[in-house]
């Protein structure tokens, strides 16, 4: 995505610069025929660089015609698919790659197929436009995004008895319930949308923020609707479908061998039994091989390095200190023993990395905002949605003139956004304390008073850096509200619930501004983007809890350490809330010291990364990625590195083909393995068990089993 956005920016730079003469002194010496020839070449170059001239003959439908019935039917179907995938990733490792390519490809494929079938049947149908494609993309991303911001693998599930049993505070709990989760999401998920609507023109037109992911998505959608892009998209969909089928069948095949605990290919000790005991093994997961193909190399290397440092070095050494640092009688899973080091050192790295990037992005945001305001505010008035920009349309390129004209055509009144925010905030303040009695109404009021400012900062920072700090804002809410409430007033649940309120606001705010950028570059109306985001969010508020409920009921060991769905970040978030309420007194010996060392190390690594320049910084590991295996284990890092290896070899053999098809192949692997979870869950609910248990034993254990069976 990053590369696509850079290429798009270069193309736009060509539009801005194509009228400038690079060598003015020599113009008068040129032959007139050469001038005409060069002028024709420049005009051809401008036409080639201009995206909108390719679509000049296509009518832009009104905003109501961009919102079609088929678009929302397809969006609903794909939202279920992507919600299942995101939920599975949430409940396993918490690493969620960008699925924009697969969402865009599948949306394009299904609506194109729908249109062809209806046309051949003799029914008149509305042409499939890039604006409708953008509506579908927006709706899918908004809906599946709730699977992340809903906290099913973090703050929300962290309230449950299952997760509390793995922490030091087991009394302050609230178990999942389908109806209250849906109600909670409906009253907190829409506020962020209304908070940034009045600022859309400032962000997109006046400040010209990049929004790299939104720009890359628009570039992808625009390319689908050109003749060459449509041909490539068909080939990509074919590859995605092929690997989707293979991945689904592989998941089905593996299921037959998982009749008991520690059975199946997922427990194959590929690097030896000793390595397997320390979570170093390849578990044959198509999902994480696909994730590794999508994620940058440095992310995968960072995860593997974190696994080597933790499970390869630190945990065996700390385990040998039992009896000195903590009681020898404690289980490895006890929060007063080894488990405490795993959880709190991981938390310290996550907080160190998050706080560093929070202040870095916030600093860049404030500096850039100050510069922008000084440049734009020529009349001493901040530009808002209904005012004209200081720059006139005559100063813009053809593409920008066209885009700006249509972006400003369909206004969303500021009074509507303000009324929506106040109305939903009032409903939320009245409703949420009934769901979480520990979260008092005045805590929520304080959050909603500062939330628009934080939503703006997150949306602005995301436009500059493509980095959403939603989870960091959520952690800030955990520590502030949790400490404010205190242990005697249910501070653990109050902190986790406040995290949910804050995360949903800032996440949806940055998502909507990304969508406005995508809509600006594809000529989709801001109104259609807003409506699509509203509908997608509403879908997500029902689909995501339903998918989570299916997992929760189908897998009784969900959330337990060592299970297929251990929900590691639920434990992390709960312990953050306990830390905010109770302080650090309950930690075992030297745990606080090690936490301080790794907190400082995370900041130092980021500082070094920012100081040595981009060329060398790409070799510096990422502390956030390194922290994940500290608690979870290293098995998924092996999968991801195999995905990186496949991508690396493919790029060496044929880079152009790899660039075109790696995202499609990886998405197919992730989607196929992810969608297999649905029939697996239904089989589990129906009581259908696999027929075979394939288990791996050492030769000594195998001899004992043989001797026992022989009688």
Foldseek 3Di string as FASTA:
>chain_A
DLVLLVVLVVLQVLLQPLPDDPDVVCPVVDDVVVVVVVVVVSVVSNCVSFLVNLVVPPDDDDQVVLDDPVLVVQLLVVLLLLLLLCLLCLLAQNDDFDLLVVQLLSSLVVVVVVCVVCVVVPDDDDDDALLNSLLSSLLSCLQSVCLVLLQLLALQCLQDQLLLVLAPHNPQHDHDDLVLSLVLLVLQQCLLLLLCQFVLCCQCPLLVFSLSVLSSSLSLSSLCPDPVSVVLSVVLLVLLQVLLVVLQVVLVVQQLAPQDPCFGLQNDAQVDDVVSVLQPHARPALQLLLVLLRDDPLLLVLLQVLQCCFSVPPLVVQLVCDVPQHDPPDDCSHCQGVLVLLQLLLLLLQLLLLVLVVVVLLVVLVVSVVVSCVVFCPVVDDDTLPDDGPDDLVSDGPLLSLLVVLQSPDGDDSVVSVVVNVVSLVVSLVPVCVSPVLQHSVLSVVCSVCLSVVLVSQLSSCSHPVDGSLQVQLLVQLLPQLLVSAPVSSSLSNSSSSSSSNSSNNVLNNSLSSSSNSCSNSSHYNVSSSVSSVNSSSSSSNSSSVSSVLVCLLDVCRCPAPDSRVSVNSSSNSVSNVCSHPNDVSHTPCSVVSSVVSSVVQNVLVVVLVPPDDVVSSNRHHSNSSSSCSNNHNNSSVSSVSSVVVLVVVCVVPVVVSVSHSSSSSSSSSSSNSVSVVVSSVCSNVVNHNDHGHHDDDPVVVVVVVVVVVD
